Amino acid sequence: MPENLSLEQIQNFKGKYPRQLWYLFFSEMWERFCFYGMRGMLTYFMVSQLTMTDENANLQYGATQAFVYAFTFIGGLFADKILGFRKSLFWGGILMIIGSAILSYDPHQFFFLGISFTVVGTGFFKPNISTMVGALYKGNDPRRDAGFSLFYAGINIGGLLGGYACITLGKTYSWHLAFGLAGIVMTISLLTFIFTKKSLGPIGLSPFEGDDVQETLADGIDGKTASAPVTITSKAIGKKWYDYAVYAGSLAIIPVIMIMVAKTQYTDWFMYIIGPATLVYIIYEMTKYTWAESKKLIAAIIFILFSIVFWGIYEQSGGSMALFAARNLDNKLLGVITLDPNGVNNSANSFFVIIFAFVFSLVWIGLAKKKIEPNTVVKFGLGFLFLAGGFFILYSTRFFANAKGIASLDAFTLSYLVITFGELCLSPIGLSIMTKLSPVKLQGVMMGMWFLAAAYGQYVAGILGASMAKAGENDTTVQKLITFTDGYKQLALYALIAGVLLIVISPLVKKLMQEVN
C-alpha cells in the first residue's frame, strides 16, 4: 500500500470498510486478548491465590479497573497535545508487555507492580486506536457506525480467546503461563501495528510532526556576503523533549499507582477529584468554541454520565459475577457441554458480540435506508432496557438451582446474551458518537472521557460487588445464591429506570446534537 496516502484518499474508500480498519482491527484484537485475559483472572486470582476476602477482592478489582480506564483520559490528553496517537499507542503497548512479563515472572510477589504497568500502558493504548478508527471516516459518512461495530467485534474476538484461555490456563496449569500468554499476544498486537502504520497516512501523527522553525537572515546566509534576505527552515528539535518528558512521567507514576491500587481508600480520593476536575477542564475547553459546538459537547457529557450507570451495572461480570460463577454455577451447558463457569463468565459476552455485532450493524444500515433508524439517544435507552432484562434473568437463576445452591449455567449464559444486546446498542455507538460530537482537536480527550466514564463505572461496580460479597461473606452456598441474585434484581431495576428516563429526554438531547444522528 502506498506510504504517502492523504487523508482524503483514505476517507474516500470504496465498499463498506476502509482497508486500514482491518489493520487496526487485528492490532486491537490481540491487545484485547491481553487485557481481557488478565481482567478475567483478577478477582479469582486475588481470592484463591492472594487469600483476599470476597469484599476486598471486589474493591481491589474495582480500583484496578477504575485506574485502567481513568488513565485512558490521560493517555488521550497526551496523545492530543504531544505524542500523537501512534507514539502513544506504541508506548502503551511496551508498558503492557513489561507488565505482563513481571506478572509472568512472579504474579504473587509482584502482582501490584505488574498490574500498575498494565494500567498505565492501557491508558496510552486504548483511547488512541479507537480515535484513529474514527479518523478513517468523514464526519457525515453513514458507514461509520458499521465500521465501529466491526471494530468492536475485533475487540471481542480478543476478549473471547483471552477471557477463556488465560483463566483456564491459570486454574489448570500455571498462573505464570497464564500471565505470560497475555504478554505474548500483546507483542503480536504491537508488531501488527508497527508493520501496518504507514498505511494510515497522516492519521495519528504527533501535533508537532513536521513543525518547522523559520529564521530570516537579513544579510544572507553567512552574514558577510551581501545578498537578498534568506529564510532558513529547520525542524523544531526542542519539542522532542516533550515526548521524553511524557515517557519519564509515565514511568515515575507507576509506584504511585501501585500504592493507590493496593490501598482502595486512595482510589476513593482519586475518583472524588479526577471526575470534577475533568468536567472543569472540558468546560474550560468549551470557551474556545462556538455555542453550536459547545451544545454538542454538552450532549456528549450527557451520554458519558449515563454510561457510568450502564458500566456500573454491566461490570459486575469481572467482580461479583466471577465469584458467583465459581461457587454457584454448574459446569454443563445445554446439558452436554462441559465448560469452566469462570471461562463462560469471561467469554460469553465476547462470543455473542462476535455473532451479533455484524447483525446489528446491518440492522442499523437497513433501518437507515428506510429512514426509520432510531437516533443515538434512543439506542442508548434500548441498551439500558436490554441490560435490565439480562439482570432480571440473572435474578431468575435462583429458580433453576438445586438444593445445594448450584444454579444453571444455561440461564446464566442466556443472561449474557440479553446483556450483550444492550452493549451492542450502547458501546460501539458510544465510541462513534464521541468522535462525531467532538471538535477535531478534542477528539482524543473526549474519547478519553468516554473511557473515564467507564472508570467510574468500574469503581461503582467494585463498590456494588463488595456490598453483595460483604453481606454474604460467611453464608452457605445456598445463602450466597439468594444474596447475589437479590442484588442483581436491584441492579435490573436501576437499569430499567435509567433506560426509560433516557428515552423520555431523547428529544432534548437530540436538539443539542443538532445535525449529528
Protein backbone atom coordinates (compact mmCIF):
# COMPACT_ATOMS: atom_id res chain seq x y z
CA MET A 1 0.00 0.00 0.00
CA PRO A 2 1.34 3.49 -0.77
CA GLU A 3 3.03 5.25 2.11
CA ASN A 4 2.02 8.77 1.12
CA LEU A 5 -1.75 8.47 1.24
CA SER A 6 -3.58 11.70 2.02
CA LEU A 7 -6.44 11.83 4.50
CA GLU A 8 -8.85 12.46 1.62
CA GLN A 9 -7.65 9.35 -0.21
CA ILE A 10 -8.13 7.24 2.91
CA GLN A 11 -11.60 8.59 3.63
CA ASN A 12 -12.79 8.22 0.03
CA PHE A 13 -12.63 4.43 0.20
CA LYS A 14 -14.91 2.13 -1.76
CA GLY A 15 -17.08 -0.52 -0.18
CA LYS A 16 -18.28 -0.88 3.40
CA TYR A 17 -14.95 -0.71 5.22
CA PRO A 18 -11.59 1.01 4.64
CA ARG A 19 -8.63 -1.35 4.39
CA GLN A 20 -6.88 0.39 7.26
CA LEU A 21 -9.74 -0.65 9.54
CA TRP A 22 -8.63 -4.27 9.24
CA TYR A 23 -5.08 -3.45 10.36
CA LEU A 24 -6.36 -1.60 13.42
CA PHE A 25 -8.87 -4.45 13.93
CA PHE A 26 -6.12 -7.06 14.32
CA SER A 27 -3.90 -4.87 16.47
CA GLU A 28 -6.81 -4.16 18.81
CA MET A 29 -7.90 -7.80 18.80
CA TRP A 30 -4.61 -9.06 20.23
CA GLU A 31 -4.35 -6.19 22.71
CA ARG A 32 -7.84 -7.04 23.98
CA PHE A 33 -6.77 -10.70 24.32
CA CYS A 34 -4.11 -9.46 26.73
CA PHE A 35 -6.41 -7.07 28.56
CA TYR A 36 -9.46 -9.31 28.94
CA GLY A 37 -7.29 -12.32 29.67
CA MET A 38 -5.78 -10.57 32.68
CA ARG A 39 -9.05 -8.86 33.65
CA GLY A 40 -10.80 -12.23 33.80
CA MET A 41 -8.19 -13.59 36.20
CA LEU A 42 -8.04 -10.72 38.69
CA THR A 43 -10.86 -11.39 41.16
CA TYR A 44 -10.46 -15.17 41.14
CA PHE A 45 -6.66 -14.88 41.48
CA MET A 46 -6.92 -12.44 44.39
CA VAL A 47 -9.33 -14.69 46.31
CA SER A 48 -7.72 -18.05 45.54
CA GLN A 49 -4.01 -17.09 45.38
CA LEU A 50 -3.62 -13.90 47.42
CA THR A 51 -6.15 -15.05 50.06
CA MET A 52 -8.18 -11.84 49.99
CA THR A 53 -11.74 -11.77 51.26
CA ASP A 54 -14.52 -11.53 48.68
CA GLU A 55 -15.24 -7.95 49.75
CA ASN A 56 -11.63 -6.80 49.40
CA ALA A 57 -11.18 -8.61 46.10
CA ASN A 58 -14.20 -6.79 44.66
CA LEU A 59 -12.88 -3.44 45.88
CA GLN A 60 -9.42 -4.20 44.50
CA TYR A 61 -10.92 -5.24 41.18
CA GLY A 62 -12.95 -2.04 41.01
CA ALA A 63 -9.91 0.07 41.91
CA THR A 64 -7.66 -1.62 39.36
CA GLN A 65 -10.14 -1.33 36.52
CA ALA A 66 -11.04 2.22 37.50
CA PHE A 67 -7.42 3.27 37.13
CA VAL A 68 -7.13 1.41 33.83
CA TYR A 69 -9.95 3.45 32.34
CA ALA A 70 -9.10 6.67 34.17
CA PHE A 71 -5.68 6.64 32.55
CA THR A 72 -7.27 6.43 29.12
CA PHE A 73 -8.27 10.07 29.66
CA ILE A 74 -4.68 10.99 30.49
CA GLY A 75 -3.42 8.94 27.55
CA GLY A 76 -5.87 10.69 25.23
CA LEU A 77 -4.79 14.08 26.56
CA PHE A 78 -1.09 13.45 25.94
CA ALA A 79 -1.82 11.97 22.53
CA ASP A 80 -3.78 15.08 21.55
CA LYS A 81 -1.26 17.59 22.83
CA ILE A 82 2.18 15.94 22.50
CA LEU A 83 2.75 12.37 21.32
CA GLY A 84 0.11 11.84 18.67
CA PHE A 85 -1.93 8.66 18.56
CA ARG A 86 0.77 6.46 17.01
CA LYS A 87 3.54 7.14 19.52
CA SER A 88 1.07 6.92 22.37
CA LEU A 89 -0.16 3.54 21.18
CA PHE A 90 3.37 2.22 20.79
CA TRP A 91 4.45 3.38 24.24
CA GLY A 92 1.33 1.91 25.82
CA GLY A 93 1.97 -1.43 24.17
CA ILE A 94 5.54 -1.53 25.50
CA LEU A 95 4.36 -0.86 29.06
CA MET A 96 1.68 -3.57 28.80
CA ILE A 97 4.26 -6.10 27.63
CA ILE A 98 6.53 -5.21 30.58
CA GLY A 99 3.61 -5.55 32.99
CA SER A 100 2.70 -8.98 31.63
CA ALA A 101 6.33 -10.11 31.86
CA ILE A 102 6.52 -9.05 35.52
CA LEU A 103 3.32 -10.93 36.34
CA SER A 104 4.53 -13.97 34.46
CA TYR A 105 7.77 -13.99 36.46
CA ASP A 106 6.09 -13.89 39.89
CA PRO A 107 2.39 -12.97 40.00
CA HIS A 108 2.20 -13.46 43.76
CA GLN A 109 5.07 -11.24 44.88
CA PHE A 110 4.87 -8.61 42.11
CA PHE A 111 1.12 -8.57 41.49
CA PHE A 112 0.56 -4.85 42.04
CA LEU A 113 3.75 -3.83 40.21
CA GLY A 114 2.77 -5.78 37.10
CA ILE A 115 -0.80 -4.52 37.25
CA SER A 116 0.43 -0.91 37.56
CA PHE A 117 2.48 -1.19 34.35
CA THR A 118 -0.59 -2.60 32.63
CA VAL A 119 -2.80 0.20 33.96
CA VAL A 120 -0.59 2.97 32.57
CA GLY A 121 0.07 1.10 29.32
CA THR A 122 -3.61 0.56 28.62
CA GLY A 123 -4.21 4.25 29.24
CA PHE A 124 -1.87 5.15 26.40
CA PHE A 125 -3.01 2.38 24.05
CA LYS A 126 -6.77 2.08 24.30
CA PRO A 127 -8.33 5.51 23.51
CA ASN A 128 -5.95 6.31 20.69
CA ILE A 129 -6.54 3.34 18.44
CA SER A 130 -10.31 3.98 18.69
CA THR A 131 -9.76 7.61 17.71
CA MET A 132 -7.75 6.53 14.66
CA VAL A 133 -10.69 4.36 13.59
CA GLY A 134 -12.89 7.46 13.71
CA ALA A 135 -10.40 9.38 11.56
CA LEU A 136 -10.83 6.85 8.74
CA TYR A 137 -14.28 8.32 8.05
CA LYS A 138 -15.61 11.70 7.09
CA GLY A 139 -17.85 13.23 9.72
CA ASN A 140 -21.08 12.58 7.80
CA ASP A 141 -20.20 9.11 6.50
CA PRO A 142 -23.16 6.78 7.25
CA ARG A 143 -20.76 3.81 7.21
CA ARG A 144 -19.05 5.00 10.40
CA ASP A 145 -21.33 3.12 12.84
CA ALA A 146 -20.91 -0.09 10.84
CA GLY A 147 -17.14 0.39 10.95
CA PHE A 148 -17.14 0.83 14.71
CA SER A 149 -19.37 -2.21 15.08
CA LEU A 150 -16.88 -4.29 13.09
CA PHE A 151 -14.01 -2.87 15.14
CA TYR A 152 -15.96 -3.77 18.27
CA ALA A 153 -16.25 -7.33 17.01
CA GLY A 154 -12.44 -7.43 16.79
CA ILE A 155 -12.24 -6.31 20.40
CA ASN A 156 -14.45 -9.19 21.38
CA ILE A 157 -12.64 -11.86 19.39
CA GLY A 158 -9.68 -10.99 21.56
CA GLY A 159 -11.91 -10.95 24.62
CA LEU A 160 -13.33 -14.38 23.78
CA LEU A 161 -9.95 -16.02 23.25
CA GLY A 162 -8.16 -14.33 26.11
CA GLY A 163 -11.05 -14.47 28.53
CA TYR A 164 -11.34 -18.24 28.32
CA ALA A 165 -7.73 -19.24 27.63
CA CYS A 166 -5.98 -17.30 30.39
CA ILE A 167 -8.25 -18.25 33.30
CA THR A 168 -8.30 -21.89 32.17
CA LEU A 169 -4.52 -21.98 31.79
CA GLY A 170 -4.08 -20.41 35.22
CA LYS A 171 -6.51 -22.68 37.05
CA THR A 172 -5.42 -25.86 35.29
CA TYR A 173 -1.65 -25.47 34.73
CA SER A 174 0.19 -22.37 35.87
CA TRP A 175 -0.53 -18.73 36.65
CA HIS A 176 2.94 -17.90 35.34
CA LEU A 177 1.97 -19.28 31.94
CA ALA A 178 -1.39 -17.54 32.03
CA PHE A 179 0.12 -14.08 32.51
CA GLY A 180 2.92 -14.94 30.09
CA LEU A 181 0.41 -15.78 27.36
CA ALA A 182 -1.12 -12.33 27.78
CA GLY A 183 2.31 -10.77 27.19
CA ILE A 184 2.98 -12.84 24.07
CA VAL A 185 -0.22 -11.79 22.35
CA MET A 186 0.36 -8.16 23.33
CA THR A 187 3.67 -8.38 21.49
CA ILE A 188 1.82 -9.67 18.42
CA SER A 189 -0.55 -6.69 18.68
CA LEU A 190 2.31 -4.20 18.76
CA LEU A 191 4.14 -5.81 15.84
CA THR A 192 0.92 -5.77 13.79
CA PHE A 193 0.65 -2.02 14.30
CA ILE A 194 4.32 -1.35 13.57
CA PHE A 195 4.21 -3.15 10.22
CA THR A 196 0.97 -1.51 9.02
CA LYS A 197 1.11 2.04 10.42
CA LYS A 198 2.46 3.56 7.19
CA SER A 199 -0.88 2.85 5.52
CA LEU A 200 -2.53 5.39 7.84
CA GLY A 201 -1.07 8.38 6.00
CA PRO A 202 -1.26 11.44 8.27
CA ILE A 203 -3.63 9.81 10.78
CA GLY A 204 -2.24 9.61 14.29
CA LEU A 205 0.89 11.71 13.79
CA SER A 206 2.16 13.95 16.57
CA PRO A 207 0.78 17.52 16.52
CA PHE A 208 4.44 18.57 16.34
CA GLU A 209 5.17 16.30 13.37
CA GLY A 210 6.57 18.42 10.59
CA ASP A 211 6.59 21.59 12.70
CA ASP A 212 9.18 23.89 11.22
CA VAL A 213 11.11 26.82 12.59
CA GLN A 214 11.69 29.61 10.06
CA GLU A 215 14.51 32.08 10.57
CA THR A 216 15.11 35.01 8.20
CA LEU A 217 18.70 36.27 7.87
CA ALA A 218 18.70 39.82 6.53
CA ASP A 219 22.34 39.78 5.37
CA GLY A 220 22.36 36.44 3.67
CA ILE A 221 23.45 33.03 4.78
CA ASP A 222 26.83 33.78 6.33
CA GLY A 223 26.25 37.38 7.42
CA LYS A 224 29.23 38.59 5.32
CA THR A 225 28.28 38.26 1.74
CA ALA A 226 25.83 40.95 0.63
CA SER A 227 22.72 39.35 -0.82
CA ALA A 228 18.93 39.33 -0.62
CA PRO A 229 17.44 38.18 2.71
CA VAL A 230 17.44 34.38 3.12
CA THR A 231 14.89 32.29 5.02
CA ILE A 232 16.17 29.03 6.54
CA THR A 233 13.70 26.34 7.61
CA SER A 234 14.68 23.78 10.24
CA LYS A 235 12.89 21.19 12.39
CA ALA A 236 11.68 22.17 15.85
CA ILE A 237 14.05 19.74 17.55
CA GLY A 238 13.44 21.15 21.03
CA LYS A 239 9.89 19.81 21.12
CA LYS A 240 11.25 16.25 21.12
CA TRP A 241 11.83 16.73 24.83
CA TYR A 242 8.08 16.86 25.32
CA ASP A 243 7.97 13.21 24.25
CA TYR A 244 10.74 12.25 26.64
CA ALA A 245 9.01 14.08 29.49
CA VAL A 246 5.80 12.09 28.89
CA TYR A 247 7.73 8.80 28.84
CA ALA A 248 9.61 9.66 32.03
CA GLY A 249 6.48 10.90 33.78
CA SER A 250 4.51 7.77 32.93
CA LEU A 251 7.28 5.61 34.44
CA ALA A 252 7.53 7.81 37.52
CA ILE A 253 3.78 7.49 38.20
CA ILE A 254 3.88 3.67 38.35
CA PRO A 255 4.94 3.48 42.05
CA VAL A 256 2.13 5.90 42.86
CA ILE A 257 -0.37 3.69 41.02
CA MET A 258 0.91 0.68 42.98
CA ILE A 259 0.15 2.41 46.28
CA MET A 260 -3.24 3.73 45.17
CA VAL A 261 -4.45 0.41 43.79
CA ALA A 262 -3.23 -1.55 46.83
CA LYS A 263 -4.97 0.89 49.21
CA THR A 264 -8.50 1.36 47.91
CA GLN A 265 -9.04 4.39 50.15
CA TYR A 266 -6.60 6.26 47.92
CA THR A 267 -8.68 5.19 44.94
CA ASP A 268 -11.70 6.81 46.58
CA TRP A 269 -9.83 10.11 46.89
CA PHE A 270 -8.62 9.90 43.31
CA MET A 271 -12.11 9.30 41.95
CA TYR A 272 -13.55 12.14 44.02
CA ILE A 273 -11.02 14.51 42.41
CA ILE A 274 -10.48 13.36 38.82
CA GLY A 275 -14.13 13.47 37.71
CA PRO A 276 -14.92 17.03 38.80
CA ALA A 277 -11.51 18.20 37.58
CA THR A 278 -12.17 16.67 34.17
CA LEU A 279 -15.54 18.40 33.90
CA VAL A 280 -13.93 21.73 34.79
CA TYR A 281 -11.32 21.17 32.09
CA ILE A 282 -13.96 20.37 29.46
CA ILE A 283 -15.96 23.46 30.44
CA TYR A 284 -12.77 25.50 30.03
CA GLU A 285 -12.22 23.99 26.59
CA MET A 286 -15.82 24.85 25.64
CA THR A 287 -14.99 28.54 25.99
CA LYS A 288 -12.74 28.19 22.94
CA TYR A 289 -15.57 27.00 20.71
CA THR A 290 -18.83 28.36 19.33
CA TRP A 291 -22.14 27.78 21.11
CA ALA A 292 -23.16 25.26 18.44
CA GLU A 293 -20.00 23.22 19.09
CA SER A 294 -20.46 23.57 22.86
CA LYS A 295 -24.00 22.17 22.66
CA LYS A 296 -22.62 19.06 21.01
CA LEU A 297 -20.12 18.71 23.84
CA ILE A 298 -22.96 19.04 26.37
CA ALA A 299 -24.76 16.19 24.58
CA ALA A 300 -21.56 14.13 24.74
CA ILE A 301 -21.36 14.73 28.50
CA ILE A 302 -24.96 13.51 28.93
CA PHE A 303 -24.05 10.28 27.13
CA ILE A 304 -20.97 9.97 29.32
CA LEU A 305 -22.91 10.39 32.58
CA PHE A 306 -25.49 7.76 31.61
CA SER A 307 -22.72 5.40 30.55
CA ILE A 308 -21.37 5.48 34.14
CA VAL A 309 -24.64 3.94 35.29
CA PHE A 310 -24.52 1.37 32.49
CA TRP A 311 -20.96 0.24 33.24
CA GLY A 312 -21.52 0.22 36.99
CA ILE A 313 -24.14 -2.46 36.45
CA TYR A 314 -22.59 -4.22 33.47
CA GLU A 315 -19.14 -4.61 35.04
CA GLN A 316 -20.32 -6.98 37.74
CA SER A 317 -19.00 -9.52 35.24
CA GLY A 318 -15.41 -9.11 36.44
CA GLY A 319 -16.22 -8.90 40.15
CA SER A 320 -19.29 -10.36 41.85
CA MET A 321 -20.23 -12.49 38.85
CA ALA A 322 -16.77 -14.08 38.79
CA LEU A 323 -17.29 -15.31 42.36
CA PHE A 324 -20.92 -16.23 41.61
CA ALA A 325 -19.74 -18.33 38.65
CA ALA A 326 -17.05 -20.07 40.71
CA ARG A 327 -19.39 -21.05 43.54
CA ASN A 328 -22.99 -21.12 42.34
CA LEU A 329 -22.97 -22.49 38.80
CA ASP A 330 -22.78 -25.99 37.39
CA ASN A 331 -20.39 -26.76 34.53
CA LYS A 332 -22.83 -28.10 31.95
CA LEU A 333 -24.04 -26.02 29.02
CA LEU A 334 -27.13 -27.39 27.28
CA GLY A 335 -26.73 -30.46 29.44
CA VAL A 336 -23.87 -31.94 27.41
CA ILE A 337 -21.02 -29.44 27.00
CA THR A 338 -18.63 -29.27 29.95
CA LEU A 339 -17.20 -25.77 30.43
CA ASP A 340 -15.44 -23.88 33.20
CA PRO A 341 -18.11 -21.49 34.60
CA ASN A 342 -15.45 -18.79 35.07
CA GLY A 343 -14.39 -19.22 31.47
CA VAL A 344 -18.01 -18.80 30.40
CA ASN A 345 -18.33 -15.71 32.58
CA ASN A 346 -15.24 -14.20 30.94
CA SER A 347 -16.02 -15.07 27.33
CA ALA A 348 -19.79 -15.48 26.81
CA ASN A 349 -20.29 -11.78 26.23
CA SER A 350 -17.48 -11.67 23.65
CA PHE A 351 -18.86 -14.78 21.93
CA PHE A 352 -22.27 -13.17 21.49
CA VAL A 353 -20.77 -9.88 20.32
CA ILE A 354 -18.85 -11.70 17.60
CA ILE A 355 -22.05 -13.32 16.39
CA PHE A 356 -24.36 -10.32 16.65
CA ALA A 357 -22.17 -7.21 16.13
CA PHE A 358 -22.28 -7.64 12.36
CA VAL A 359 -26.03 -8.36 12.50
CA PHE A 360 -26.60 -5.17 14.49
CA SER A 361 -24.54 -3.13 12.02
CA LEU A 362 -26.65 -4.48 9.13
CA VAL A 363 -29.83 -3.70 11.06
CA TRP A 364 -28.75 -0.08 11.60
CA ILE A 365 -27.81 0.28 7.92
CA GLY A 366 -31.08 -1.28 6.79
CA LEU A 367 -33.16 0.94 9.07
CA ALA A 368 -31.19 4.00 7.93
CA LYS A 369 -32.01 3.24 4.28
CA LYS A 370 -35.70 3.10 5.20
CA LYS A 371 -35.27 6.30 7.26
CA ILE A 372 -36.59 4.62 10.40
CA GLU A 373 -33.31 4.11 12.26
CA PRO A 374 -33.67 5.15 15.93
CA ASN A 375 -31.43 8.04 16.88
CA THR A 376 -28.39 7.54 19.09
CA VAL A 377 -30.20 8.61 22.26
CA VAL A 378 -32.92 6.02 21.79
CA LYS A 379 -30.27 3.38 21.05
CA PHE A 380 -28.69 4.22 24.39
CA GLY A 381 -32.07 3.85 26.08
CA LEU A 382 -32.59 0.46 24.43
CA GLY A 383 -29.17 -0.57 25.72
CA PHE A 384 -30.35 0.02 29.29
CA LEU A 385 -33.58 -1.90 28.72
CA PHE A 386 -31.68 -4.93 27.45
CA LEU A 387 -29.27 -4.62 30.40
CA ALA A 388 -32.23 -4.66 32.77
CA GLY A 389 -33.60 -7.76 31.06
CA GLY A 390 -30.26 -9.55 31.39
CA PHE A 391 -30.01 -8.87 35.11
CA PHE A 392 -33.61 -9.97 35.67
CA ILE A 393 -32.58 -13.28 34.08
CA LEU A 394 -29.57 -13.41 36.43
CA TYR A 395 -32.01 -12.97 39.30
CA SER A 396 -34.09 -15.85 37.91
CA THR A 397 -31.15 -18.28 38.17
CA ARG A 398 -32.27 -18.88 41.78
CA PHE A 399 -35.31 -20.65 40.36
CA PHE A 400 -33.09 -23.07 38.41
CA ALA A 401 -30.85 -24.09 41.33
CA ASN A 402 -30.61 -27.41 43.14
CA ALA A 403 -30.81 -27.93 46.89
CA LYS A 404 -27.08 -27.14 47.25
CA GLY A 405 -27.44 -23.68 45.72
CA ILE A 406 -25.87 -24.63 42.37
CA ALA A 407 -27.69 -22.84 39.55
CA SER A 408 -27.98 -23.47 35.83
CA LEU A 409 -25.13 -22.42 33.55
CA ASP A 410 -27.73 -22.23 30.76
CA ALA A 411 -29.74 -19.45 32.46
CA PHE A 412 -26.51 -17.62 33.30
CA THR A 413 -25.39 -17.78 29.66
CA LEU A 414 -28.82 -16.61 28.45
CA SER A 415 -28.49 -13.54 30.66
CA TYR A 416 -25.24 -12.70 28.88
CA LEU A 417 -26.99 -12.93 25.52
CA VAL A 418 -29.52 -10.27 26.55
CA ILE A 419 -26.85 -8.11 28.24
CA THR A 420 -24.83 -8.30 25.02
CA PHE A 421 -27.75 -6.87 23.04
CA GLY A 422 -27.68 -3.93 25.42
CA GLU A 423 -23.96 -3.49 24.99
CA LEU A 424 -24.30 -3.52 21.20
CA CYS A 425 -26.87 -0.74 21.40
CA LEU A 426 -24.58 1.41 23.52
CA SER A 427 -20.86 0.75 23.45
CA PRO A 428 -19.84 0.75 19.75
CA ILE A 429 -22.26 3.61 19.13
CA GLY A 430 -20.72 5.42 22.10
CA LEU A 431 -17.25 5.24 20.58
CA SER A 432 -18.64 6.61 17.34
CA ILE A 433 -20.69 9.42 18.88
CA MET A 434 -17.68 10.76 20.80
CA THR A 435 -15.85 11.34 17.51
CA LYS A 436 -18.99 12.83 15.90
CA LEU A 437 -19.73 15.31 18.67
CA SER A 438 -16.16 16.39 19.42
CA PRO A 439 -14.11 19.08 17.64
CA VAL A 440 -11.08 17.55 15.92
CA LYS A 441 -8.61 18.92 18.47
CA LEU A 442 -10.62 17.47 21.37
CA GLN A 443 -11.36 14.03 19.97
CA GLY A 444 -8.63 12.27 21.94
CA VAL A 445 -9.70 13.98 25.15
CA MET A 446 -13.38 13.18 24.62
CA MET A 447 -12.57 9.58 23.76
CA GLY A 448 -10.58 9.53 26.98
CA MET A 449 -13.59 10.96 28.84
CA TRP A 450 -15.71 8.14 27.45
CA PHE A 451 -13.29 5.66 29.00
CA LEU A 452 -13.07 7.76 32.17
CA ALA A 453 -16.83 7.24 32.50
CA ALA A 454 -16.10 3.52 32.21
CA ALA A 455 -13.55 4.03 35.04
CA TYR A 456 -16.30 5.42 37.25
CA GLY A 457 -18.49 2.53 36.18
CA GLN A 458 -15.78 0.07 37.23
CA TYR A 459 -15.34 1.91 40.51
CA VAL A 460 -19.08 1.79 41.22
CA ALA A 461 -19.18 -1.86 40.12
CA GLY A 462 -16.49 -2.72 42.67
CA ILE A 463 -18.43 -0.99 45.46
CA LEU A 464 -21.69 -2.72 44.48
CA GLY A 465 -19.98 -6.10 44.22
CA ALA A 466 -18.24 -5.60 47.55
CA SER A 467 -21.54 -4.78 49.25
CA MET A 468 -23.05 -8.03 47.95
CA ALA A 469 -19.95 -10.00 48.94
CA LYS A 470 -19.86 -8.43 52.42
CA ALA A 471 -23.50 -9.26 53.03
CA GLY A 472 -22.86 -12.89 52.18
CA GLU A 473 -19.26 -13.31 53.39
CA ASN A 474 -20.00 -16.16 55.82
CA ASP A 475 -23.05 -17.54 54.04
CA THR A 476 -23.56 -21.06 52.83
CA THR A 477 -23.67 -21.67 49.09
CA VAL A 478 -27.46 -21.53 49.14
CA GLN A 479 -27.46 -18.27 51.09
CA LYS A 480 -24.89 -16.77 48.72
CA LEU A 481 -27.19 -17.60 45.81
CA ILE A 482 -30.04 -15.68 47.44
CA THR A 483 -27.82 -12.72 48.40
CA PHE A 484 -26.28 -12.27 44.99
CA THR A 485 -29.47 -12.75 42.99
CA ASP A 486 -31.28 -10.24 45.22
CA GLY A 487 -28.51 -7.79 44.34
CA TYR A 488 -28.88 -8.50 40.63
CA LYS A 489 -32.64 -7.83 40.80
CA GLN A 490 -31.93 -4.43 42.35
CA LEU A 491 -29.45 -3.60 39.59
CA ALA A 492 -32.02 -4.62 36.98
CA LEU A 493 -34.45 -2.08 38.41
CA TYR A 494 -31.79 0.67 38.26
CA ALA A 495 -31.10 -0.14 34.60
CA LEU A 496 -34.81 -0.11 33.76
CA ILE A 497 -35.32 3.33 35.33
CA ALA A 498 -32.27 4.78 33.54
CA GLY A 499 -33.40 3.42 30.17
CA VAL A 500 -36.90 4.84 30.44
CA LEU A 501 -35.54 8.23 31.57
CA LEU A 502 -33.11 8.40 28.66
CA ILE A 503 -35.80 7.65 26.10
CA VAL A 504 -38.06 10.33 27.67
CA ILE A 505 -35.38 13.05 27.39
CA SER A 506 -34.22 11.94 23.94
CA PRO A 507 -35.85 14.90 22.08
CA LEU A 508 -33.93 17.39 24.24
CA VAL A 509 -30.61 15.61 23.76
CA LYS A 510 -31.25 15.32 20.02
CA LYS A 511 -31.63 19.12 19.81
CA LEU A 512 -28.24 19.53 21.47
CA MET A 513 -26.70 17.13 18.94
CA GLN A 514 -28.07 19.22 16.03
CA GLU A 515 -27.22 17.57 12.69
CA VAL A 516 -25.45 14.57 14.30
CA ASN A 517 -27.51 11.37 14.20
